[in-house]
Amino acid sequence: MSLSADIKHKIYLAATLGYVLGSRDLKEISYYKQIKEEIKQDRRKREMGVSRAD
C-alpha cells in the first residue's frame, strides 16, 4: 500500500518546516528522509527559490 496524497503532503510540510515526524510507519519515515535529503542537496547546490532573470 502506497502513501495517500494527503499523508505525503503532511510529511512534506513537516520536512520543509523543520518539524519532527511522529510516526512509526516505515514508509512514512523513508519518505520523510527522502524529502530531507533533497532539501540538503538543494541547499548545497544553491537551487532554492525562483532564479531571477535580471
PDB file of N, CA and C in Angstrom:
ATOM      1  N   MET A   1       0.840  -1.179   0.000  1.00  0.00           N
ATOM      2  CA  MET A   1       0.000   0.000   0.000  1.00  0.00           C
ATOM      3  C   MET A   1       0.884   1.242   0.000  1.00  0.00           C
ATOM      4  N   SER A   2       0.673   2.125  -0.948  1.00  0.00           N
ATOM      5  CA  SER A   2       1.463   3.348  -1.022  1.00  0.00           C
ATOM      6  C   SER A   2       0.811   4.429  -0.155  1.00  0.00           C
ATOM      7  N   LEU A   3       1.538   5.504   0.018  1.00  0.00           N
ATOM      8  CA  LEU A   3       1.036   6.613   0.828  1.00  0.00           C
ATOM      9  C   LEU A   3       0.017   7.424   0.041  1.00  0.00           C
ATOM     10  N   SER A   4      -1.000   7.889   0.720  1.00  0.00           N
ATOM     11  CA  SER A   4      -2.007   8.709   0.052  1.00  0.00           C
ATOM     12  C   SER A   4      -1.458  10.128  -0.135  1.00  0.00           C
ATOM     13  N   ALA A   5      -2.113  10.885  -0.966  1.00  0.00           N
ATOM     14  CA  ALA A   5      -1.659  12.229  -1.291  1.00  0.00           C
ATOM     15  C   ALA A   5      -1.679  13.148  -0.079  1.00  0.00           C
ATOM     16  N   ASP A   6      -2.697  13.027   0.764  1.00  0.00           N
ATOM     17  CA  ASP A   6      -2.757  13.912   1.925  1.00  0.00           C
ATOM     18  C   ASP A   6      -1.680  13.579   2.957  1.00  0.00           C
ATOM     19  N   ILE A   7      -1.338  12.325   3.117  1.00  0.00           N
ATOM     20  CA  ILE A   7      -0.265  11.941   4.029  1.00  0.00           C
ATOM     21  C   ILE A   7       1.076  12.446   3.495  1.00  0.00           C
ATOM     22  N   LYS A   8       1.286  12.310   2.167  1.00  0.00           N
ATOM     23  CA  LYS A   8       2.520  12.819   1.562  1.00  0.00           C
ATOM     24  C   LYS A   8       2.637  14.325   1.767  1.00  0.00           C
ATOM     25  N   HIS A   9       1.529  15.026   1.615  1.00  0.00           N
ATOM     26  CA  HIS A   9       1.538  16.477   1.792  1.00  0.00           C
ATOM     27  C   HIS A   9       1.882  16.855   3.229  1.00  0.00           C
ATOM     28  N   LYS A  10       1.316  16.161   4.198  1.00  0.00           N
ATOM     29  CA  LYS A  10       1.613  16.434   5.605  1.00  0.00           C
ATOM     30  C   LYS A  10       3.072  16.149   5.923  1.00  0.00           C
ATOM     31  N   ILE A  11       3.621  15.084   5.365  1.00  0.00           N
ATOM     32  CA  ILE A  11       5.028  14.750   5.589  1.00  0.00           C
ATOM     33  C   ILE A  11       5.918  15.796   4.932  1.00  0.00           C
ATOM     34  N   TYR A  12       5.555  16.233   3.734  1.00  0.00           N
ATOM     35  CA  TYR A  12       6.323  17.264   3.041  1.00  0.00           C
ATOM     36  C   TYR A  12       6.340  18.562   3.844  1.00  0.00           C
ATOM     37  N   LEU A  13       5.193  18.962   4.367  1.00  0.00           N
ATOM     38  CA  LEU A  13       5.132  20.168   5.183  1.00  0.00           C
ATOM     39  C   LEU A  13       5.983  20.043   6.438  1.00  0.00           C
ATOM     40  N   ALA A  14       5.925  18.891   7.083  1.00  0.00           N
ATOM     41  CA  ALA A  14       6.727  18.678   8.287  1.00  0.00           C
ATOM     42  C   ALA A  14       8.216  18.761   7.962  1.00  0.00           C
ATOM     43  N   ALA A  15       8.629  18.199   6.841  1.00  0.00           N
ATOM     44  CA  ALA A  15      10.040  18.207   6.468  1.00  0.00           C
ATOM     45  C   ALA A  15      10.513  19.605   6.100  1.00  0.00           C
ATOM     46  N   THR A  16       9.716  20.347   5.344  1.00  0.00           N
ATOM     47  CA  THR A  16      10.148  21.674   4.916  1.00  0.00           C
ATOM     48  C   THR A  16      10.108  22.696   6.043  1.00  0.00           C
ATOM     49  N   LEU A  17       9.205  22.521   6.993  1.00  0.00           N
ATOM     50  CA  LEU A  17       9.122  23.451   8.108  1.00  0.00           C
ATOM     51  C   LEU A  17      10.046  23.080   9.263  1.00  0.00           C
ATOM     52  N   GLY A  18      10.695  21.933   9.176  1.00  0.00           N
ATOM     53  CA  GLY A  18      11.656  21.538  10.199  1.00  0.00           C
ATOM     54  C   GLY A  18      11.046  20.812  11.379  1.00  0.00           C
ATOM     55  N   TYR A  19       9.845  20.319  11.231  1.00  0.00           N
ATOM     56  CA  TYR A  19       9.208  19.570  12.308  1.00  0.00           C
ATOM     57  C   TYR A  19       9.699  18.126  12.325  1.00  0.00           C
ATOM     58  N   VAL A  20       9.551  17.489  13.461  1.00  0.00           N
ATOM     59  CA  VAL A  20       9.918  16.078  13.593  1.00  0.00           C
ATOM     60  C   VAL A  20       8.690  15.240  13.267  1.00  0.00           C
ATOM     61  N   LEU A  21       8.915  14.163  12.551  1.00  0.00           N
ATOM     62  CA  LEU A  21       7.818  13.284  12.179  1.00  0.00           C
ATOM     63  C   LEU A  21       7.521  12.344  13.345  1.00  0.00           C
ATOM     64  N   GLY A  22       6.284  12.314  13.793  1.00  0.00           N
ATOM     65  CA  GLY A  22       5.909  11.498  14.931  1.00  0.00           C
ATOM     66  C   GLY A  22       5.232  10.208  14.532  1.00  0.00           C
ATOM     67  N   SER A  23       5.745   9.551  13.533  1.00  0.00           N
ATOM     68  CA  SER A  23       5.134   8.335  13.038  1.00  0.00           C
ATOM     69  C   SER A  23       6.101   7.167  13.188  1.00  0.00           C
ATOM     70  N   ARG A  24       5.546   5.981  13.264  1.00  0.00           N
ATOM     71  CA  ARG A  24       6.371   4.770  13.326  1.00  0.00           C
ATOM     72  C   ARG A  24       6.231   3.924  12.068  1.00  0.00           C
ATOM     73  N   ASP A  25       5.479   4.433  11.109  1.00  0.00           N
ATOM     74  CA  ASP A  25       5.288   3.727   9.841  1.00  0.00           C
ATOM     75  C   ASP A  25       6.563   3.873   9.006  1.00  0.00           C
ATOM     76  N   LEU A  26       7.124   2.760   8.574  1.00  0.00           N
ATOM     77  CA  LEU A  26       8.396   2.782   7.864  1.00  0.00           C
ATOM     78  C   LEU A  26       8.307   3.495   6.516  1.00  0.00           C
ATOM     79  N   LYS A  27       7.179   3.398   5.837  1.00  0.00           N
ATOM     80  CA  LYS A  27       7.013   4.083   4.556  1.00  0.00           C
ATOM     81  C   LYS A  27       7.009   5.597   4.747  1.00  0.00           C
ATOM     82  N   GLU A  28       6.338   6.050   5.791  1.00  0.00           N
ATOM     83  CA  GLU A  28       6.296   7.483   6.069  1.00  0.00           C
ATOM     84  C   GLU A  28       7.680   7.998   6.462  1.00  0.00           C
ATOM     85  N   ILE A  29       8.394   7.244   7.260  1.00  0.00           N
ATOM     86  CA  ILE A  29       9.734   7.644   7.684  1.00  0.00           C
ATOM     87  C   ILE A  29      10.681   7.705   6.494  1.00  0.00           C
ATOM     88  N   SER A  30      10.617   6.745   5.601  1.00  0.00           N
ATOM     89  CA  SER A  30      11.502   6.755   4.439  1.00  0.00           C
ATOM     90  C   SER A  30      11.177   7.925   3.515  1.00  0.00           C
ATOM     91  N   TYR A  31       9.900   8.258   3.361  1.00  0.00           N
ATOM     92  CA  TYR A  31       9.522   9.411   2.540  1.00  0.00           C
ATOM     93  C   TYR A  31      10.016  10.704   3.182  1.00  0.00           C
ATOM     94  N   TYR A  32       9.908  10.809   4.497  1.00  0.00           N
ATOM     95  CA  TYR A  32      10.394  11.978   5.236  1.00  0.00           C
ATOM     96  C   TYR A  32      11.910  12.137   5.047  1.00  0.00           C
ATOM     97  N   LYS A  33      12.641  11.047   5.161  1.00  0.00           N
ATOM     98  CA  LYS A  33      14.095  11.099   4.978  1.00  0.00           C
ATOM     99  C   LYS A  33      14.458  11.482   3.550  1.00  0.00           C
ATOM    100  N   GLN A  34      13.693  11.002   2.579  1.00  0.00           N
ATOM    101  CA  GLN A  34      13.930  11.339   1.183  1.00  0.00           C
ATOM    102  C   GLN A  34      13.768  12.847   0.963  1.00  0.00           C
ATOM    103  N   ILE A  35      12.724  13.424   1.505  1.00  0.00           N
ATOM    104  CA  ILE A  35      12.475  14.856   1.366  1.00  0.00           C
ATOM    105  C   ILE A  35      13.584  15.650   2.048  1.00  0.00           C
ATOM    106  N   LYS A  36      13.976  15.242   3.259  1.00  0.00           N
ATOM    107  CA  LYS A  36      15.038  15.947   3.977  1.00  0.00           C
ATOM    108  C   LYS A  36      16.361  15.900   3.206  1.00  0.00           C
ATOM    109  N   GLU A  37      16.671  14.774   2.571  1.00  0.00           N
ATOM    110  CA  GLU A  37      17.898  14.651   1.788  1.00  0.00           C
ATOM    111  C   GLU A  37      17.855  15.553   0.555  1.00  0.00           C
ATOM    112  N   GLU A  38      16.706  15.639  -0.097  1.00  0.00           N
ATOM    113  CA  GLU A  38      16.569  16.531  -1.245  1.00  0.00           C
ATOM    114  C   GLU A  38      16.749  17.987  -0.830  1.00  0.00           C
ATOM    115  N   ILE A  39      16.248  18.357   0.340  1.00  0.00           N
ATOM    116  CA  ILE A  39      16.414  19.714   0.841  1.00  0.00           C
ATOM    117  C   ILE A  39      17.895  20.004   1.095  1.00  0.00           C
ATOM    118  N   LYS A  40      18.604  19.062   1.694  1.00  0.00           N
ATOM    119  CA  LYS A  40      20.039  19.242   1.941  1.00  0.00           C
ATOM    120  C   LYS A  40      20.815  19.402   0.647  1.00  0.00           C
ATOM    121  N   GLN A  41      20.496  18.592  -0.365  1.00  0.00           N
ATOM    122  CA  GLN A  41      21.193  18.688  -1.649  1.00  0.00           C
ATOM    123  C   GLN A  41      20.910  20.026  -2.329  1.00  0.00           C
ATOM    124  N   ASP A  42      19.676  20.507  -2.254  1.00  0.00           N
ATOM    125  CA  ASP A  42      19.343  21.798  -2.846  1.00  0.00           C
ATOM    126  C   ASP A  42      20.082  22.931  -2.151  1.00  0.00           C
ATOM    127  N   ARG A  43      20.258  22.837  -0.853  1.00  0.00           N
ATOM    128  CA  ARG A  43      20.996  23.874  -0.132  1.00  0.00           C
ATOM    129  C   ARG A  43      22.461  23.887  -0.527  1.00  0.00           C
ATOM    130  N   ARG A  44      23.029  22.707  -0.728  1.00  0.00           N
ATOM    131  CA  ARG A  44      24.430  22.630  -1.142  1.00  0.00           C
ATOM    132  C   ARG A  44      24.637  23.206  -2.535  1.00  0.00           C
ATOM    133  N   LYS A  45      23.696  22.955  -3.424  1.00  0.00           N
ATOM    134  CA  LYS A  45      23.811  23.409  -4.810  1.00  0.00           C
ATOM    135  C   LYS A  45      23.258  24.826  -5.006  1.00  0.00           C
ATOM    136  N   ARG A  46      22.675  25.393  -3.975  1.00  0.00           N
ATOM    137  CA  ARG A  46      22.056  26.726  -4.028  1.00  0.00           C
ATOM    138  C   ARG A  46      20.915  26.789  -5.030  1.00  0.00           C
ATOM    139  N   GLU A  47      20.117  25.745  -5.108  1.00  0.00           N
ATOM    140  CA  GLU A  47      18.973  25.692  -6.011  1.00  0.00           C
ATOM    141  C   GLU A  47      17.677  25.928  -5.249  1.00  0.00           C
ATOM    142  N   MET A  48      17.652  26.963  -4.448  1.00  0.00           N
ATOM    143  CA  MET A  48      16.457  27.245  -3.661  1.00  0.00           C
ATOM    144  C   MET A  48      15.751  28.459  -4.224  1.00  0.00           C
ATOM    145  N   GLY A  49      14.461  28.417  -4.274  1.00  0.00           N
ATOM    146  CA  GLY A  49      13.672  29.549  -4.715  1.00  0.00           C
ATOM    147  C   GLY A  49      13.617  29.665  -6.224  1.00  0.00           C
ATOM    148  N   VAL A  50      13.140  30.790  -6.669  1.00  0.00           N
ATOM    149  CA  VAL A  50      12.987  31.066  -8.081  1.00  0.00           C
ATOM    150  C   VAL A  50      14.184  31.896  -8.532  1.00  0.00           C
ATOM    151  N   SER A  51      14.839  31.498  -9.602  1.00  0.00           N
ATOM    152  CA  SER A  51      16.002  32.249 -10.088  1.00  0.00           C
ATOM    153  C   SER A  51      15.529  33.515 -10.789  1.00  0.00           C
ATOM    154  N   ARG A  52      16.303  34.563 -10.612  1.00  0.00           N
ATOM    155  CA  ARG A  52      15.951  35.851 -11.200  1.00  0.00           C
ATOM    156  C   ARG A  52      16.532  35.960 -12.605  1.00  0.00           C
ATOM    157  N   ALA A  53      15.835  36.669 -13.467  1.00  0.00           N
ATOM    158  CA  ALA A  53      16.259  36.798 -14.854  1.00  0.00           C
ATOM    159  C   ALA A  53      16.799  38.185 -15.164  1.00  0.00           C
ATOM    160  N   ASP A  54      17.080  39.005 -14.167  1.00  0.00           N
ATOM    161  CA  ASP A  54      17.554  40.378 -14.464  1.00  0.00           C
ATOM    162  C   ASP A  54      19.030  40.534 -14.362  1.00  0.00           C
TER     163      ASP A  54
END
